[in-house]
Protein backbone atom coordinates (compact mmCIF):
# COMPACT_ATOMS: atom_id res chain seq x y z
CA MET A 1 68.41 103.61 95.57
CA GLN A 2 69.72 100.66 93.56
CA PRO A 3 73.25 99.58 94.49
CA LEU A 4 75.94 100.98 92.24
CA ASP A 5 78.33 98.53 90.64
CA PHE A 6 81.16 101.05 90.32
CA PHE A 7 81.74 104.10 92.53
CA ALA A 8 84.84 106.11 91.62
CA ILE A 9 86.53 108.52 94.02
CA GLY A 10 89.22 110.95 92.91
CA ASP A 11 89.90 114.32 91.35
CA ILE A 12 88.39 115.53 88.10
CA VAL A 13 90.09 117.93 85.71
CA THR A 14 89.94 119.74 82.38
CA GLU A 15 92.99 119.23 80.16
CA PRO A 16 93.86 121.07 76.95
CA PHE A 17 96.12 118.90 74.78
CA ILE A 18 98.69 121.18 73.14
CA ARG A 19 100.34 119.34 70.27
CA LEU A 20 103.92 120.51 69.87
CA LYS A 21 105.89 120.41 66.65
CA ASP A 22 109.01 122.43 67.51
CA ALA A 23 110.54 120.35 70.32
CA SER A 24 112.91 117.45 70.91
CA ILE A 25 113.39 114.54 73.29
CA HIS A 26 116.69 113.80 75.03
CA CYS A 27 117.05 110.47 76.83
CA ARG A 28 119.69 108.65 78.83
CA VAL A 29 121.31 105.72 77.09
CA ASP A 30 118.99 103.30 78.93
CA THR A 31 115.96 105.48 77.89
CA GLU A 32 114.58 105.27 81.44
CA GLN A 33 114.70 109.05 81.88
CA CYS A 34 113.86 111.43 79.07
CA GLU A 35 113.42 115.21 78.89
CA LEU A 36 111.15 117.27 76.68
CA CYS A 37 113.16 120.21 75.33
CA MET A 38 112.02 123.50 73.77
CA ARG A 39 113.75 126.80 73.17
CA PHE A 40 113.73 129.03 76.24
CA GLY A 41 112.70 132.70 75.99
CA ASP A 42 111.20 132.34 72.54
CA LYS A 43 107.83 132.11 70.79
CA ILE A 44 107.25 128.48 69.90
CA PRO A 45 104.59 127.48 67.37
CA TYR A 46 102.30 124.57 68.18
CA GLU A 47 100.24 122.39 65.86
CA SER A 48 96.85 122.18 67.61
CA ALA A 49 95.01 122.37 70.94
CA THR A 50 92.19 120.02 71.95
CA VAL A 51 90.35 120.53 75.24
CA CYS A 52 89.27 117.38 77.10
CA ALA A 53 86.86 118.03 79.97
CA ALA A 54 85.93 115.78 82.91
CA VAL A 55 89.09 113.68 82.77
CA GLY A 56 91.45 112.44 85.48
CA ASN A 57 92.03 108.88 86.69
CA ALA A 58 88.78 108.42 88.62
CA SER A 59 86.61 110.23 86.08
CA ASN A 60 88.14 108.25 83.23
CA ALA A 61 87.39 105.07 85.16
CA ALA A 62 83.77 106.07 85.81
CA VAL A 63 83.20 106.82 82.13
CA SER A 64 84.93 103.58 81.12
CA ALA A 65 82.66 101.54 83.38
CA ALA A 66 79.52 103.34 82.20
CA ARG A 67 80.32 102.68 78.54
CA LEU A 68 80.69 99.00 79.37
CA GLY A 69 77.17 98.97 80.80
CA VAL A 70 78.13 99.09 84.48
CA SER A 71 76.13 101.39 86.78
CA SER A 72 78.67 104.08 87.58
CA ALA A 73 79.02 107.19 89.73
CA LEU A 74 81.80 109.61 90.60
CA ARG A 75 82.65 111.45 93.80
CA ALA A 76 84.80 114.42 92.84
CA TYR A 77 84.97 118.16 93.46
CA THR A 78 84.71 121.10 91.09
CA GLY A 79 84.85 124.84 91.57
CA ASP A 80 81.87 127.10 90.92
CA ASP A 81 83.15 128.11 87.48
CA ARG A 82 82.32 127.28 83.89
CA TYR A 83 84.85 124.46 83.78
CA GLY A 84 83.11 122.76 86.68
CA ALA A 85 79.71 123.08 85.01
CA GLU A 86 81.13 121.67 81.76
CA MET A 87 82.59 118.68 83.59
CA ILE A 88 79.25 117.88 85.21
CA ASP A 89 77.57 118.05 81.79
CA VAL A 90 80.13 115.65 80.31
CA LEU A 91 79.57 113.11 83.09
CA LYS A 92 75.81 113.26 82.60
CA SER A 93 76.21 112.75 78.85
CA GLU A 94 78.25 109.61 79.61
CA ASN A 95 75.57 108.18 81.94
CA VAL A 96 77.80 108.61 84.98
CA SER A 97 75.76 109.55 88.04
CA THR A 98 76.63 113.02 89.34
CA ASP A 99 74.54 112.68 92.51
CA PHE A 100 77.70 112.61 94.63
CA MET A 101 79.63 115.36 92.87
CA VAL A 102 80.40 118.48 94.93
CA THR A 103 80.64 122.04 93.61
CA GLU A 104 82.61 124.05 96.16
CA ALA A 105 81.90 127.77 96.33
CA GLY A 106 84.83 130.10 95.85
CA LYS A 107 87.11 127.42 94.41
CA LYS A 108 88.52 126.94 90.93
CA SER A 109 88.11 123.66 89.09
CA ASN A 110 91.22 121.61 88.40
CA TYR A 111 92.85 122.61 85.11
CA HIS A 112 95.98 120.89 83.83
CA TYR A 113 98.01 121.38 80.64
CA VAL A 114 99.13 118.49 78.45
CA LEU A 115 102.22 119.04 76.28
CA TRP A 116 101.85 116.41 73.56
CA TYR A 117 104.84 115.58 71.41
CA GLU A 118 104.96 112.63 69.01
CA THR A 119 103.03 109.82 70.75
CA ASP A 120 103.69 110.76 74.38
CA ARG A 121 102.92 113.65 76.69
CA THR A 122 104.07 115.65 79.70
CA ILE A 123 101.33 117.01 81.97
CA LEU A 124 101.56 120.23 83.98
CA VAL A 125 99.53 119.45 87.10
CA LYS A 126 97.88 121.62 89.76
CA HIS A 127 95.32 120.10 92.12
CA GLU A 128 93.12 122.60 93.95
CA ASP A 129 92.65 122.13 97.71
CA PHE A 130 89.05 121.05 98.14
CA SER A 131 87.28 120.32 101.43
CA TYR A 132 87.09 116.58 100.92
CA SER A 133 84.49 114.52 102.80
CA VAL A 134 83.17 110.98 102.49
CA PRO A 135 79.85 110.79 100.58
CA GLU A 136 76.70 109.47 102.19
CA LEU A 137 75.24 106.50 100.33
CA SER A 138 72.08 104.78 101.49
CA VAL A 139 73.19 101.56 99.77
CA ALA A 140 76.82 100.46 99.61
CA PRO A 141 78.30 100.11 96.10
CA LYS A 142 79.74 96.79 94.94
CA TRP A 143 83.10 98.32 94.01
CA VAL A 144 84.85 101.52 95.02
CA TYR A 145 87.54 102.67 92.60
CA LEU A 146 89.98 105.02 94.36
CA SER A 147 92.55 107.02 92.45
CA SER A 148 94.40 110.33 92.21
CA LEU A 149 93.69 113.04 94.80
CA ALA A 150 95.45 116.25 95.85
CA ALA A 151 98.29 116.66 98.32
CA ASN A 152 95.92 117.81 101.12
CA SER A 153 93.92 114.56 100.97
CA GLY A 154 95.59 112.67 103.83
CA PRO A 155 92.61 113.02 106.23
CA TYR A 156 90.25 112.16 103.37
CA HIS A 157 92.01 108.83 102.90
CA ASP A 158 91.64 108.12 106.61
CA ALA A 159 87.91 108.85 106.38
CA ILE A 160 87.54 106.64 103.29
CA ALA A 161 89.35 103.80 105.07
CA ALA A 162 87.00 104.14 108.07
CA TRP A 163 83.96 104.16 105.77
CA LEU A 164 85.19 101.01 104.00
CA SER A 165 85.81 99.36 107.35
CA SER A 166 82.18 99.91 108.30
CA ASN A 167 81.05 98.47 104.94
CA PRO A 168 83.05 95.23 104.61
CA GLU A 169 80.96 94.06 101.65
CA ILE A 170 82.48 96.76 99.39
CA LYS A 171 85.39 95.67 97.20
CA LEU A 172 88.12 98.28 96.78
CA ALA A 173 90.13 98.87 93.62
CA PHE A 174 93.10 101.17 94.20
CA GLN A 175 95.02 102.88 91.39
CA PRO A 176 97.27 105.33 93.26
CA GLY A 177 98.12 108.74 91.83
CA THR A 178 101.29 110.77 92.31
CA PHE A 179 100.34 112.37 95.63
CA GLN A 180 99.03 109.10 97.04
CA MET A 181 102.40 107.53 96.33
CA LYS A 182 104.10 110.45 98.05
CA LEU A 183 101.94 109.90 101.15
CA GLY A 184 103.64 106.52 101.49
CA THR A 185 102.46 103.04 102.32
CA GLU A 186 102.46 103.59 106.08
CA ALA A 187 100.08 106.56 105.86
CA LEU A 188 97.76 104.55 103.58
CA LYS A 189 98.25 101.23 105.35
CA PRO A 190 94.52 100.66 106.08
CA LEU A 191 93.66 101.22 102.41
CA TYR A 192 96.35 98.88 101.11
CA ALA A 193 95.19 96.26 103.59
CA ARG A 194 91.58 96.69 102.41
CA THR A 195 92.33 96.55 98.68
CA GLU A 196 90.88 93.78 96.52
CA PHE A 197 92.46 94.91 93.24
CA PHE A 198 95.60 97.03 93.03
CA VAL A 199 97.16 98.38 89.84
CA CYS A 200 100.15 100.55 88.93
CA ASN A 201 102.95 100.51 86.38
CA LYS A 202 106.37 98.92 86.91
CA GLU A 203 108.16 102.18 87.73
CA GLU A 204 105.43 103.18 90.19
CA ALA A 205 105.63 99.78 91.89
CA ALA A 206 109.33 100.33 92.59
CA ARG A 207 108.62 103.85 93.86
CA ILE A 208 105.87 102.64 96.20
CA LEU A 209 108.14 99.93 97.60
CA GLU A 210 111.09 102.36 97.78
CA LEU A 211 113.20 100.14 95.53
CA PRO A 212 115.37 100.83 92.48
CA VAL A 213 113.61 100.30 89.17
CA THR A 214 113.81 96.60 88.34
CA ASN A 215 112.58 94.14 85.76
CA ASP A 216 111.81 91.59 88.47
CA VAL A 217 108.03 91.97 88.32
CA LYS A 218 107.47 88.90 90.49
CA MET A 219 109.35 90.57 93.33
CA LEU A 220 107.44 93.82 92.81
CA MET A 221 104.07 92.10 92.82
CA GLN A 222 104.90 90.06 95.90
CA GLY A 223 106.05 93.22 97.66
CA LEU A 224 102.81 95.00 96.82
CA ALA A 225 100.75 91.96 97.83
CA HIS A 226 102.54 91.96 101.19
CA LEU A 227 100.93 95.37 101.82
CA GLY A 228 97.49 93.73 101.65
CA PRO A 229 95.97 93.72 98.15
CA LYS A 230 94.44 90.39 97.12
CA ILE A 231 95.07 90.90 93.40
CA VAL A 232 98.06 92.91 92.19
CA VAL A 233 98.54 94.04 88.59
CA VAL A 234 101.69 95.73 87.30
CA THR A 235 101.64 97.19 83.80
CA ASP A 236 104.78 97.38 81.69
CA GLY A 237 104.08 99.47 78.60
CA THR A 238 104.52 97.61 75.33
CA ASN A 239 105.49 94.46 77.27
CA GLY A 240 101.91 94.09 78.44
CA ALA A 241 101.00 93.55 82.08
CA TYR A 242 101.37 91.04 84.90
CA ALA A 243 99.02 89.88 87.63
CA TYR A 244 99.45 88.05 90.93
CA ASP A 245 96.54 86.64 92.91
CA GLY A 246 98.55 85.24 95.80
CA ALA A 247 99.03 81.90 94.11
CA ARG A 248 99.66 82.46 90.40
CA PHE A 249 101.78 84.83 88.36
CA LEU A 250 99.94 85.70 85.15
CA ARG A 251 101.17 87.45 82.02
CA ILE A 252 98.69 89.60 80.06
CA PRO A 253 99.74 90.40 76.47
CA MET A 254 98.96 93.57 74.58
CA TYR A 255 96.01 93.23 72.23
CA PRO A 256 97.47 92.75 68.73
CA ASP A 257 97.09 95.88 66.64
CA THR A 258 99.01 96.81 63.50
CA ARG A 259 98.44 100.52 64.13
CA GLY A 260 100.91 102.48 66.18
CA PRO A 261 99.58 104.64 69.05
CA TYR A 262 98.36 108.12 68.17
CA GLU A 263 98.37 109.56 71.71
CA ARG A 264 99.00 107.45 74.83
CA THR A 265 97.13 109.37 77.54
CA GLY A 266 94.66 107.20 79.45
CA ALA A 267 95.96 103.79 78.41
CA GLY A 268 96.61 102.81 82.02
CA ASP A 269 93.26 104.14 83.22
CA ALA A 270 91.47 102.27 80.44
CA PHE A 271 93.22 99.02 81.30
CA ALA A 272 92.65 99.21 85.05
CA SER A 273 89.06 100.43 84.99
CA THR A 274 88.05 97.91 82.33
CA VAL A 275 89.37 94.98 84.35
CA VAL A 276 87.50 96.21 87.44
CA ALA A 277 84.32 96.79 85.41
CA ALA A 278 84.56 93.24 84.08
CA LEU A 279 84.97 91.92 87.63
CA ALA A 280 81.93 93.97 88.66
CA LEU A 281 80.00 92.26 85.87
CA GLY A 282 80.93 88.90 87.37
CA LYS A 283 83.67 87.91 84.92
CA PRO A 284 86.41 85.58 86.20
CA LEU A 285 89.82 87.17 86.70
CA GLU A 286 91.42 85.68 83.59
CA GLU A 287 88.67 86.96 81.31
CA ALA A 288 88.60 90.36 83.03
CA LEU A 289 92.36 90.70 82.48
CA LEU A 290 91.86 90.13 78.74
CA TRP A 291 89.29 92.95 78.58
CA GLY A 292 91.76 95.57 79.80
CA PRO A 293 94.27 95.69 76.93
CA ILE A 294 91.46 95.96 74.37
CA ASN A 295 90.25 99.26 75.79
CA SER A 296 93.85 100.49 76.12
CA MET A 297 94.45 99.66 72.46
CA SER A 298 91.39 101.68 71.48
CA VAL A 299 92.11 104.68 73.71
CA VAL A 300 95.59 105.31 72.30
CA GLN A 301 94.09 105.83 68.83
CA GLU A 302 92.32 109.02 69.96
CA ILE A 303 93.20 112.28 71.72
CA GLY A 304 92.68 112.13 75.47
CA ALA A 305 91.69 109.40 77.88
CA GLN A 306 88.00 108.97 77.08
CA LYS A 307 87.17 109.36 73.39
CA GLY A 308 88.41 105.88 72.47
CA LEU A 309 86.72 104.03 75.33
CA LEU A 310 84.61 101.17 73.98
CA THR A 311 81.11 99.95 74.60
CA ARG A 312 80.74 96.39 75.87
CA GLU A 313 79.49 95.24 72.47
CA ALA A 314 82.50 96.70 70.67
CA LEU A 315 84.94 95.33 73.23
CA GLU A 316 83.46 91.84 73.07
CA GLY A 317 83.71 92.05 69.28
CA PHE A 318 87.46 92.63 69.53
CA LEU A 319 87.73 89.78 72.05
CA ALA A 320 85.89 87.39 69.73
CA ALA A 321 88.17 88.38 66.84
CA ALA A 322 91.40 87.97 68.82
CA PRO A 323 93.91 85.34 67.68
CA ASP A 324 94.54 82.27 69.83
CA SER A 325 97.83 83.84 70.92
CA TYR A 326 95.90 86.51 72.81
CA ALA A 327 95.72 84.54 76.04
CA ILE A 328 96.68 84.66 79.70
CA THR A 329 99.73 82.56 80.56
CA GLU A 330 101.42 81.68 83.81
CA PHE A 331 105.10 82.44 84.28
């Protein structure tokens, strides 16, 4: 077996995108908290429904890496139903190795619902309880990309941490999902300590550190770095993203695009996985950080997290065409 460059671990899901037209958004004055509102006890028309199979943070990352020419595999669980079979077929069509996928008898595959209104979405989430176990690989991968798992995955994280400890040559990228944040930093202390590349958004960073939401990204990145990660990246929506490597604070701009977003799902996954894929290809950090926003820009022009993911040739074309202002700066 040839060593894999990119081995993703996390849940996989099918998501129908239901585009709403009869709804409204109500926000606080500071716009930090908004609510999607629809009439209760009524029949509400919707505009369209688009089913996206084999998505989820880790699956999106595996597909992203594969399209960029990185040897990629996914460890995830499906039920023995038609949705599970469809997800396996999608991964194969994207050149993502399914050798480490598990189909668990008697279980349903993960199936979420995306309520899409204007350019944003609310996702109704239900993770099935699978019997997680660490895969057996004869050759250690260069990078492991760990992301969203179900609420019953505490012991699985312990097993992954032990596996990584016995394979010190593996570099770990960690993009925590909702339940991983709920587990807390103490429960995942060995994984934080083992992480090479950590990424989350600004609000998630505050939640992880149990702090109020703040615009002090330097403080947030230093707090996350104190948990162990060598490189910390915090994304901040239309403000771009920030990185800290223990010595430098770097600002990453959005890739300039005159088009507004069509549907924002997967922008964060595209950014994070693209940076890690670039690192796996041997790119220096500054160049890898410039790859990420390009894939994010492309993904938000399509429905779902994967359709807009670019090939390496297409991404490098955007990079070559970027203005001089598209550059990493220290702050």
